[in-house]
N, C-alpha and C. Protein backbone atom coordinates (compact mmCIF):
# COMPACT_ATOMS: atom_id res chain seq x y z
N MET A 1 23.37 6.83 43.01
CA MET A 1 23.49 7.22 41.64
C MET A 1 22.09 7.30 41.03
N SER A 2 21.78 8.38 40.33
CA SER A 2 20.45 8.53 39.75
C SER A 2 20.43 7.94 38.34
N ASP A 3 19.26 7.55 37.94
CA ASP A 3 19.06 6.99 36.61
C ASP A 3 18.83 8.13 35.64
N THR A 4 19.76 8.33 34.69
CA THR A 4 19.67 9.46 33.76
C THR A 4 19.08 9.05 32.42
N ARG A 5 18.69 7.81 32.29
CA ARG A 5 18.09 7.39 31.03
C ARG A 5 16.72 8.03 30.87
N THR A 6 16.41 8.37 29.64
CA THR A 6 15.08 8.92 29.38
C THR A 6 14.14 7.79 29.03
N PRO A 7 12.91 7.90 29.47
CA PRO A 7 11.96 6.83 29.14
C PRO A 7 11.69 6.79 27.64
N THR A 8 11.42 5.60 27.16
CA THR A 8 11.12 5.43 25.74
C THR A 8 9.67 5.82 25.52
N ARG A 9 9.47 6.74 24.58
CA ARG A 9 8.11 7.13 24.22
C ARG A 9 7.74 6.39 22.95
N THR A 10 6.47 6.20 22.77
CA THR A 10 5.99 5.55 21.56
C THR A 10 5.25 6.56 20.71
N ASP A 11 5.59 6.60 19.46
CA ASP A 11 4.90 7.46 18.50
C ASP A 11 3.66 6.70 18.06
N ALA A 12 2.48 7.22 18.33
CA ALA A 12 1.22 6.53 18.04
C ALA A 12 1.03 6.27 16.56
N ARG A 13 1.62 7.10 15.71
CA ARG A 13 1.43 6.90 14.27
C ARG A 13 2.14 5.66 13.77
N THR A 14 3.30 5.35 14.31
CA THR A 14 4.05 4.20 13.81
C THR A 14 4.17 3.08 14.83
N GLU A 15 3.76 3.31 16.04
CA GLU A 15 3.84 2.34 17.12
C GLU A 15 5.24 1.80 17.31
N THR A 16 6.21 2.68 17.17
CA THR A 16 7.60 2.33 17.43
C THR A 16 8.18 3.41 18.33
N PRO A 17 9.27 3.13 19.02
CA PRO A 17 9.86 4.17 19.85
C PRO A 17 10.22 5.38 19.00
N THR A 18 9.97 6.58 19.55
CA THR A 18 10.32 7.78 18.80
C THR A 18 11.81 7.81 18.57
N GLY A 19 12.18 8.31 17.43
CA GLY A 19 13.58 8.34 17.07
C GLY A 19 13.97 7.13 16.24
N ALA A 20 13.21 6.05 16.33
CA ALA A 20 13.51 4.87 15.53
C ALA A 20 13.09 5.14 14.09
N ARG A 21 13.87 4.65 13.17
CA ARG A 21 13.57 4.86 11.75
C ARG A 21 12.53 3.85 11.30
N THR A 22 11.46 4.36 10.73
CA THR A 22 10.45 3.49 10.16
C THR A 22 10.18 3.97 8.76
N GLY A 23 10.73 3.27 7.79
CA GLY A 23 10.53 3.63 6.40
C GLY A 23 9.18 3.15 5.91
N PRO A 24 8.85 3.53 4.70
CA PRO A 24 7.58 3.11 4.12
C PRO A 24 7.39 1.60 4.09
N SER A 25 8.46 0.84 3.86
CA SER A 25 8.29 -0.61 3.77
C SER A 25 7.85 -1.19 5.11
N HIS A 26 8.37 -0.65 6.21
CA HIS A 26 7.95 -1.12 7.54
C HIS A 26 6.49 -0.74 7.78
N GLN A 27 6.13 0.48 7.43
CA GLN A 27 4.77 0.93 7.65
C GLN A 27 3.79 0.14 6.79
N VAL A 28 4.17 -0.18 5.57
CA VAL A 28 3.30 -0.97 4.70
C VAL A 28 3.17 -2.39 5.23
N SER A 29 4.26 -2.98 5.65
CA SER A 29 4.19 -4.36 6.15
C SER A 29 3.31 -4.46 7.38
N ALA A 30 3.18 -3.39 8.14
CA ALA A 30 2.32 -3.40 9.31
C ALA A 30 0.84 -3.48 8.93
N LEU A 31 0.52 -3.21 7.69
CA LEU A 31 -0.87 -3.26 7.23
C LEU A 31 -1.31 -4.68 6.85
N PHE A 32 -0.36 -5.61 6.83
CA PHE A 32 -0.63 -6.97 6.39
C PHE A 32 -0.56 -7.95 7.55
N SER A 33 -1.37 -8.98 7.47
CA SER A 33 -1.32 -10.09 8.40
C SER A 33 -1.45 -11.37 7.60
N ARG A 34 -0.45 -12.22 7.68
CA ARG A 34 -0.43 -13.49 6.93
C ARG A 34 -0.62 -13.26 5.43
N GLY A 35 0.03 -12.22 4.92
CA GLY A 35 0.01 -11.95 3.50
C GLY A 35 -1.23 -11.24 2.99
N ARG A 36 -2.16 -10.94 3.88
CA ARG A 36 -3.41 -10.27 3.49
C ARG A 36 -3.47 -8.88 4.11
N LEU A 37 -3.98 -7.95 3.34
CA LEU A 37 -4.18 -6.59 3.81
C LEU A 37 -5.31 -6.60 4.82
N THR A 38 -5.06 -6.09 6.01
CA THR A 38 -6.09 -6.13 7.06
C THR A 38 -7.15 -5.05 6.85
N ALA A 39 -6.77 -3.90 6.30
CA ALA A 39 -7.71 -2.81 6.03
C ALA A 39 -7.05 -1.83 5.07
N ILE A 40 -7.87 -1.15 4.30
CA ILE A 40 -7.35 -0.10 3.42
C ILE A 40 -7.24 1.16 4.26
N PRO A 41 -6.05 1.74 4.36
CA PRO A 41 -5.87 2.91 5.22
C PRO A 41 -6.76 4.09 4.80
N ARG A 42 -7.27 4.80 5.79
CA ARG A 42 -8.08 5.99 5.52
C ARG A 42 -7.22 7.21 5.26
N LYS A 43 -6.09 7.28 5.95
CA LYS A 43 -5.22 8.45 5.78
C LYS A 43 -4.57 8.41 4.40
N PRO A 44 -4.70 9.50 3.64
CA PRO A 44 -4.18 9.51 2.26
C PRO A 44 -2.70 9.17 2.14
N ALA A 45 -1.86 9.67 3.02
CA ALA A 45 -0.42 9.40 2.91
C ALA A 45 -0.13 7.92 3.13
N ARG A 46 -0.77 7.33 4.09
CA ARG A 46 -0.56 5.90 4.37
C ARG A 46 -1.11 5.05 3.23
N ARG A 47 -2.28 5.46 2.71
CA ARG A 47 -2.89 4.74 1.59
C ARG A 47 -1.99 4.82 0.36
N GLU A 48 -1.39 5.98 0.13
CA GLU A 48 -0.49 6.14 -1.02
C GLU A 48 0.71 5.21 -0.90
N GLN A 49 1.27 5.07 0.29
CA GLN A 49 2.38 4.15 0.50
C GLN A 49 1.96 2.72 0.14
N LEU A 50 0.77 2.35 0.57
CA LEU A 50 0.25 1.02 0.26
C LEU A 50 0.09 0.85 -1.25
N LEU A 51 -0.49 1.84 -1.91
CA LEU A 51 -0.75 1.74 -3.35
C LEU A 51 0.54 1.64 -4.15
N VAL A 52 1.55 2.39 -3.77
CA VAL A 52 2.85 2.29 -4.44
C VAL A 52 3.39 0.87 -4.28
N HIS A 53 3.29 0.35 -3.07
CA HIS A 53 3.76 -1.02 -2.81
C HIS A 53 3.00 -2.03 -3.67
N LEU A 54 1.68 -1.91 -3.72
CA LEU A 54 0.87 -2.84 -4.51
C LEU A 54 1.21 -2.74 -6.00
N ALA A 55 1.34 -1.53 -6.50
CA ALA A 55 1.66 -1.35 -7.92
C ALA A 55 3.01 -1.98 -8.25
N GLU A 56 3.98 -1.78 -7.38
CA GLU A 56 5.33 -2.30 -7.64
C GLU A 56 5.42 -3.81 -7.49
N THR A 57 4.62 -4.39 -6.61
CA THR A 57 4.75 -5.83 -6.36
C THR A 57 3.77 -6.68 -7.17
N LEU A 58 2.66 -6.11 -7.60
CA LEU A 58 1.66 -6.91 -8.29
C LEU A 58 1.62 -6.71 -9.80
N PHE A 59 2.18 -5.58 -10.29
CA PHE A 59 2.05 -5.26 -11.71
C PHE A 59 3.40 -4.94 -12.33
N GLU A 60 3.63 -5.49 -13.52
CA GLU A 60 4.88 -5.27 -14.25
C GLU A 60 4.76 -4.02 -15.12
N PRO A 61 5.81 -3.19 -15.14
CA PRO A 61 5.77 -2.04 -16.05
C PRO A 61 5.81 -2.51 -17.50
N GLY A 62 5.08 -1.80 -18.35
CA GLY A 62 5.09 -2.12 -19.77
C GLY A 62 4.13 -3.21 -20.18
N ARG A 63 3.49 -3.85 -19.24
CA ARG A 63 2.55 -4.92 -19.56
C ARG A 63 1.12 -4.39 -19.51
N SER A 64 0.28 -4.88 -20.39
CA SER A 64 -1.14 -4.51 -20.41
C SER A 64 -1.93 -5.56 -19.63
N TYR A 65 -2.85 -5.10 -18.79
CA TYR A 65 -3.69 -5.99 -17.99
C TYR A 65 -5.16 -5.73 -18.30
N THR A 66 -5.95 -6.78 -18.34
CA THR A 66 -7.39 -6.61 -18.44
C THR A 66 -7.94 -6.34 -17.03
N GLU A 67 -9.16 -5.85 -16.96
CA GLU A 67 -9.75 -5.60 -15.64
C GLU A 67 -9.84 -6.88 -14.80
N PRO A 68 -10.25 -8.02 -15.38
CA PRO A 68 -10.25 -9.25 -14.58
C PRO A 68 -8.85 -9.64 -14.06
N GLU A 69 -7.81 -9.38 -14.84
CA GLU A 69 -6.44 -9.67 -14.37
C GLU A 69 -6.05 -8.76 -13.22
N VAL A 70 -6.42 -7.49 -13.31
CA VAL A 70 -6.14 -6.55 -12.22
C VAL A 70 -6.89 -7.00 -10.96
N ASN A 71 -8.16 -7.34 -11.12
CA ASN A 71 -8.96 -7.79 -9.98
C ASN A 71 -8.36 -9.04 -9.34
N GLU A 72 -7.94 -9.99 -10.16
CA GLU A 72 -7.36 -11.23 -9.65
C GLU A 72 -6.09 -10.95 -8.84
N ALA A 73 -5.24 -10.07 -9.36
CA ALA A 73 -4.01 -9.72 -8.65
C ALA A 73 -4.33 -9.05 -7.32
N LEU A 74 -5.29 -8.13 -7.32
CA LEU A 74 -5.62 -7.40 -6.09
C LEU A 74 -6.33 -8.29 -5.08
N ARG A 75 -7.09 -9.27 -5.54
CA ARG A 75 -7.77 -10.20 -4.62
C ARG A 75 -6.79 -11.06 -3.85
N THR A 76 -5.55 -11.17 -4.33
CA THR A 76 -4.56 -11.95 -3.59
C THR A 76 -4.22 -11.29 -2.26
N VAL A 77 -4.51 -9.98 -2.14
CA VAL A 77 -4.19 -9.27 -0.90
C VAL A 77 -5.42 -8.75 -0.16
N HIS A 78 -6.56 -8.53 -0.88
CA HIS A 78 -7.75 -7.97 -0.22
C HIS A 78 -8.98 -8.27 -1.06
N ASP A 79 -10.10 -8.52 -0.41
CA ASP A 79 -11.32 -8.87 -1.13
C ASP A 79 -11.95 -7.69 -1.88
N ASP A 80 -11.73 -6.47 -1.42
CA ASP A 80 -12.33 -5.31 -2.08
C ASP A 80 -11.42 -4.83 -3.22
N CYS A 81 -11.34 -5.64 -4.26
CA CYS A 81 -10.44 -5.32 -5.37
C CYS A 81 -10.91 -4.08 -6.13
N SER A 82 -12.20 -3.83 -6.18
CA SER A 82 -12.68 -2.65 -6.93
C SER A 82 -12.24 -1.35 -6.26
N ALA A 83 -12.25 -1.30 -4.94
CA ALA A 83 -11.78 -0.09 -4.24
C ALA A 83 -10.29 0.10 -4.47
N LEU A 84 -9.52 -0.97 -4.35
CA LEU A 84 -8.08 -0.86 -4.57
C LEU A 84 -7.78 -0.46 -6.01
N ARG A 85 -8.49 -1.05 -6.96
CA ARG A 85 -8.28 -0.70 -8.37
C ARG A 85 -8.59 0.78 -8.61
N ARG A 86 -9.68 1.25 -8.06
CA ARG A 86 -10.06 2.66 -8.20
C ARG A 86 -9.00 3.57 -7.58
N TYR A 87 -8.54 3.24 -6.37
CA TYR A 87 -7.49 4.03 -5.72
C TYR A 87 -6.21 4.06 -6.55
N LEU A 88 -5.85 2.92 -7.14
CA LEU A 88 -4.64 2.86 -7.96
C LEU A 88 -4.76 3.75 -9.19
N VAL A 89 -5.93 3.78 -9.81
CA VAL A 89 -6.13 4.62 -11.00
C VAL A 89 -6.18 6.10 -10.60
N VAL A 90 -6.97 6.43 -9.60
CA VAL A 90 -7.09 7.83 -9.16
C VAL A 90 -5.75 8.34 -8.64
N GLY A 91 -4.99 7.46 -7.96
CA GLY A 91 -3.69 7.85 -7.43
C GLY A 91 -2.58 7.92 -8.46
N GLY A 92 -2.88 7.49 -9.69
CA GLY A 92 -1.90 7.60 -10.76
C GLY A 92 -0.89 6.46 -10.82
N MET A 93 -1.12 5.38 -10.09
CA MET A 93 -0.20 4.24 -10.13
C MET A 93 -0.51 3.31 -11.30
N LEU A 94 -1.79 3.27 -11.70
CA LEU A 94 -2.22 2.52 -12.88
C LEU A 94 -2.95 3.49 -13.80
N THR A 95 -2.79 3.29 -15.11
CA THR A 95 -3.59 4.04 -16.07
C THR A 95 -4.59 3.08 -16.68
N ARG A 96 -5.67 3.64 -17.20
CA ARG A 96 -6.73 2.83 -17.76
C ARG A 96 -7.17 3.45 -19.08
N THR A 97 -7.44 2.61 -20.06
CA THR A 97 -7.97 3.14 -21.32
C THR A 97 -9.39 3.66 -21.08
N ARG A 98 -9.84 4.54 -21.95
CA ARG A 98 -11.17 5.14 -21.78
C ARG A 98 -12.28 4.11 -21.62
N ASP A 99 -12.18 3.02 -22.36
CA ASP A 99 -13.22 2.00 -22.29
C ASP A 99 -13.01 1.01 -21.14
N GLY A 100 -11.92 1.17 -20.39
CA GLY A 100 -11.65 0.30 -19.25
C GLY A 100 -11.17 -1.09 -19.64
N ALA A 101 -10.83 -1.27 -20.91
CA ALA A 101 -10.42 -2.59 -21.39
C ALA A 101 -8.99 -2.95 -20.99
N ALA A 102 -8.13 -1.94 -20.81
CA ALA A 102 -6.72 -2.23 -20.51
C ALA A 102 -6.20 -1.31 -19.42
N TYR A 103 -5.36 -1.88 -18.58
CA TYR A 103 -4.69 -1.15 -17.48
C TYR A 103 -3.21 -1.31 -17.65
N HIS A 104 -2.45 -0.29 -17.27
CA HIS A 104 -0.99 -0.32 -17.34
C HIS A 104 -0.43 0.29 -16.06
N ARG A 105 0.66 -0.30 -15.58
CA ARG A 105 1.36 0.30 -14.43
C ARG A 105 2.15 1.49 -14.91
N VAL A 106 2.08 2.57 -14.16
CA VAL A 106 2.86 3.76 -14.47
C VAL A 106 4.27 3.51 -13.95
N ALA A 107 5.26 3.73 -14.80
CA ALA A 107 6.66 3.45 -14.42
C ALA A 107 7.18 4.42 -13.40
């Protein structure tokens, strides 16, 4: 009797067997080790998934944050809080007043 099973291939982008469902939450969780972000993704799509996750988990909608409060929240996951803050603003997940005094999560 011959073996008709097909070998399992791995998709290099998600490091899971092809055909397996990997939603954004799985892909984002792969970026963390012991609650800390291991690196800020270079690929825009992957970085956007991370930023959405950070905005939803670290910032409340409707609340105003000062820059030091934003930095403190972001430092809980990664030391380069200024890069993450900039990505969040440029990506449209956080808005900032012209003078930089207040930040708000975009709903």
